[in-house]
Protein backbone atom coordinates (compact mmCIF):
# COMPACT_ATOMS: atom_id res chain seq x y z
CA MET A 1 -13.17 -36.70 -5.01
CA ALA A 2 -13.39 -39.36 -7.73
CA GLY A 3 -15.94 -38.77 -10.46
CA GLY A 4 -17.11 -35.54 -8.79
CA ARG A 5 -17.09 -32.07 -10.21
CA TRP A 6 -14.66 -29.43 -9.08
CA GLN A 7 -16.29 -26.50 -7.38
CA PRO A 8 -14.71 -23.08 -7.37
CA VAL A 9 -13.20 -22.18 -4.03
CA ARG A 10 -14.17 -18.75 -2.76
CA LEU A 11 -12.38 -16.79 -0.12
CA GLY A 12 -14.45 -16.30 2.98
CA ALA A 13 -15.66 -12.75 3.44
CA GLY A 14 -13.37 -12.29 6.45
CA LEU A 15 -10.21 -13.39 4.64
CA GLY A 16 -11.10 -11.44 1.50
CA ALA A 17 -11.76 -8.32 3.54
CA LEU A 18 -8.45 -8.80 5.38
CA LEU A 19 -6.52 -9.05 2.09
CA CYS A 20 -8.32 -5.99 0.80
CA ALA A 21 -7.58 -4.12 4.03
CA LEU A 22 -3.87 -4.87 3.66
CA HIS A 23 -3.95 -3.47 0.11
CA VAL A 24 -5.80 -0.35 1.28
CA GLN A 25 -3.35 0.18 4.15
CA ALA A 26 -0.48 0.02 1.67
CA ALA A 27 -2.17 2.64 -0.51
CA CYS A 28 -2.72 4.82 2.58
CA ARG A 29 0.95 5.26 3.34
CA ASP A 30 2.44 8.57 2.18
CA THR A 31 -0.90 9.80 0.85
CA THR A 32 -1.26 13.51 0.05
CA VAL A 33 -4.64 15.24 0.01
CA THR A 34 -5.13 18.83 -1.13
CA GLN A 35 -8.13 20.99 -1.76
CA GLU A 36 -8.13 24.33 -3.50
CA LEU A 37 -10.72 26.95 -4.30
CA LEU A 38 -10.44 28.16 -7.88
CA LYS A 39 -11.78 31.45 -9.28
CA GLU A 40 -12.81 34.53 -7.29
CA GLY A 41 -16.08 35.83 -5.89
CA PHE A 42 -19.27 34.02 -4.94
CA HIS A 43 -19.08 31.36 -7.70
CA ARG A 44 -16.02 29.14 -7.35
CA ASP A 45 -14.83 25.60 -7.95
CA LEU A 46 -13.63 23.29 -5.20
CA LEU A 47 -10.78 21.12 -6.52
CA VAL A 48 -9.82 18.03 -4.51
CA GLN A 49 -6.65 16.13 -5.41
CA VAL A 50 -5.32 12.91 -3.90
CA GLU A 51 -1.99 11.20 -4.45
CA LEU A 52 -1.99 7.72 -2.93
CA GLY A 53 1.14 6.13 -1.49
CA GLU A 54 0.70 3.19 -3.89
CA ASP A 55 -1.43 2.30 -6.90
CA ALA A 56 -5.14 2.13 -6.07
CA GLY A 57 -5.35 -1.37 -7.54
CA GLY A 58 -8.73 -0.77 -9.15
CA CYS A 59 -10.28 0.79 -6.05
CA ALA A 60 -12.60 3.77 -6.45
CA VAL A 61 -11.46 6.93 -4.67
CA ALA A 62 -13.82 9.46 -3.12
CA ALA A 63 -13.49 12.51 -0.88
CA ARG A 64 -16.03 13.26 1.83
CA THR A 65 -16.03 16.81 3.16
CA ARG A 66 -18.29 18.88 5.33
CA LEU A 67 -19.22 22.20 3.75
CA PRO A 68 -19.90 24.83 6.43
CA PRO A 69 -23.01 27.04 6.16
CA GLY A 70 -20.99 29.78 4.41
CA ILE A 71 -20.75 27.78 1.17
CA TYR A 72 -22.94 25.28 -0.66
CA VAL A 73 -23.24 23.12 -3.74
CA ASP A 74 -26.35 23.85 -5.79
CA PRO A 75 -28.16 20.48 -6.13
CA TYR A 76 -29.76 21.51 -9.44
CA GLU A 77 -26.40 22.48 -10.91
CA LEU A 78 -24.93 19.23 -9.58
CA ALA A 79 -27.74 17.22 -11.21
CA THR A 80 -27.04 18.90 -14.56
CA LEU A 81 -23.30 18.15 -14.30
CA GLN A 82 -24.07 14.52 -13.44
CA LEU A 83 -26.54 14.25 -16.33
CA HIS A 84 -23.69 15.17 -18.67
CA ASN A 85 -21.22 12.87 -16.84
CA LEU A 86 -19.06 15.83 -15.81
CA THR A 87 -18.97 14.95 -12.12
CA LYS A 88 -20.11 12.29 -9.67
CA ALA A 89 -21.15 13.47 -6.23
CA VAL A 90 -23.71 12.96 -3.49
CA LEU A 91 -25.03 15.70 -1.17
CA THR A 92 -26.39 15.00 2.30
CA PRO A 93 -28.95 16.33 2.83
CA ASP A 94 -29.89 16.38 -0.82
CA VAL A 95 -32.18 19.42 -0.38
CA VAL A 96 -30.27 22.69 -0.03
CA ASP A 97 -31.85 26.12 0.40
CA VAL A 98 -29.76 28.06 -2.11
CA GLU A 99 -31.39 31.36 -1.08
CA ALA A 100 -30.61 31.12 2.66
CA PRO A 101 -27.96 33.42 4.14
CA GLU A 102 -25.07 31.84 6.04
CA TYR A 103 -26.61 32.38 9.48
CA LEU A 104 -29.79 30.43 8.53
CA ALA A 105 -28.11 27.66 6.54
CA ARG A 106 -26.90 24.22 7.67
CA ASP A 107 -23.77 22.21 7.03
CA VAL A 108 -23.84 19.92 4.01
CA VAL A 109 -21.76 16.77 3.51
CA LEU A 110 -20.37 16.35 0.01
CA LEU A 111 -19.18 12.96 -1.20
CA LEU A 112 -17.18 13.62 -4.37
CA PHE A 113 -15.98 10.70 -6.49
CA LEU A 114 -12.50 11.34 -7.86
CA GLU A 115 -11.29 10.46 -11.34
CA PRO A 116 -7.81 9.15 -12.16
CA ASP A 117 -5.38 11.87 -13.20
CA GLY A 118 -3.77 10.78 -16.49
CA ARG A 119 -0.46 12.48 -15.61
CA CYS A 120 0.11 10.36 -12.50
CA PRO A 121 -0.90 6.70 -11.98
CA ARG A 122 -1.51 7.16 -8.22
CA CYS A 123 -3.30 10.52 -8.53
CA PHE A 124 -7.02 11.29 -8.49
CA ARG A 125 -8.92 14.55 -8.77
CA ALA A 126 -12.34 16.14 -9.13
CA ALA A 127 -13.83 19.61 -9.06
CA VAL A 128 -17.32 20.77 -8.19
CA PRO A 129 -18.86 24.26 -8.31
CA VAL A 130 -19.45 25.83 -4.89
CA HIS A 131 -21.17 29.09 -4.07
CA ALA A 132 -20.61 31.51 -1.20
CA ARG A 133 -23.58 32.69 0.86
CA TYR A 134 -24.31 36.15 2.17
CA HIS A 135 -23.17 36.61 5.77
CA ARG A 136 -24.41 38.97 8.47
CA PRO A 137 -23.27 42.54 7.98
CA ALA A 138 -20.13 43.25 9.98
CA GLU A 139 -18.89 46.69 10.85
CA GLY A 140 -15.49 47.62 9.45
CA THR A 141 -15.08 44.69 7.05
CA ARG A 142 -16.41 43.56 3.69
CA GLU A 143 -15.07 40.02 3.95
CA ALA A 144 -16.12 36.87 5.76
CA LEU A 145 -13.92 33.89 6.49
CA VAL A 146 -15.23 30.40 5.75
CA VAL A 147 -12.97 27.54 6.84
CA LEU A 148 -13.11 24.23 5.00
CA GLU A 149 -12.13 21.22 7.05
CA SER A 150 -9.82 18.67 5.53
CA PRO A 151 -11.62 16.08 3.43
CA GLU A 152 -11.76 12.44 4.40
CA VAL A 153 -10.62 10.26 1.51
CA LEU A 154 -12.32 6.91 1.06
CA LEU A 155 -11.30 3.90 -0.99
CA CYS A 156 -14.01 1.56 -2.25
CA CYS A 157 -12.56 -1.76 -3.33
CA CYS A 158 -15.10 -3.89 -5.17
CA HIS A 159 -12.96 -6.89 -6.14
CA GLY A 160 -14.90 -10.06 -6.81
CA GLU A 161 -17.35 -10.56 -3.97
CA ILE A 162 -15.86 -7.92 -1.72
CA LEU A 163 -17.92 -4.75 -1.55
CA ILE A 164 -17.06 -2.01 0.86
CA ASP A 165 -19.71 0.65 1.33
CA VAL A 166 -18.11 4.02 0.62
CA LEU A 167 -20.74 5.71 2.79
CA GLY A 168 -20.03 3.42 5.76
CA GLN A 169 -18.17 4.59 8.82
CA SER A 170 -15.48 1.89 8.73
CA ARG A 171 -12.17 3.57 9.54
CA ALA A 172 -10.26 0.66 7.97
CA TRP A 173 -11.11 2.01 4.51
CA SER A 174 -10.42 5.66 5.14
CA LEU A 175 -7.49 8.00 4.73
CA PHE A 176 -7.42 11.26 6.64
CA CYS A 177 -5.88 14.56 5.72
CA VAL A 178 -4.77 17.21 8.20
CA ARG A 179 -4.48 20.19 5.84
CA GLN A 180 -7.07 22.96 6.11
CA SER A 181 -7.84 25.67 3.63
CA SER A 182 -10.22 28.61 3.61
CA LEU A 183 -12.19 30.72 1.15
């Protein structure tokens, strides 16, 4: 093109997404996801740790988990932690009845954004306070079992013009864990 100006060449969205998907699939291999409840009693911390199979390559890492009615995250406490940049998380629904007993409460979905772990270049972690609810009285026992399902780990790669919605349902961007733990 004589005398013309050079224009930058941009990857089409399809090709860019394909290249990103290949990177994400590489990071998905040999990924380990663990969750652990710290402390004792009704006021605990949920710790989620992820070790990717490869470097995240600048992708954000988040864990999405369903909290059963037996436990909850206090949205006011979460807002305070976020105000002080101590955690990044989204609750769905964002209104939680913190006074409701387990048998009147609903499931809550927690999307917890993980921070890089300085001791390991492929590791990410985050903790959030969770609280146990009162359960129905049961004869012969003073304990109730609450089972946490394995979290779904999501990678959000926002390179250049590629933006993958972390809240979307696209399975191409997700890692799945099969480990379960309980309170």
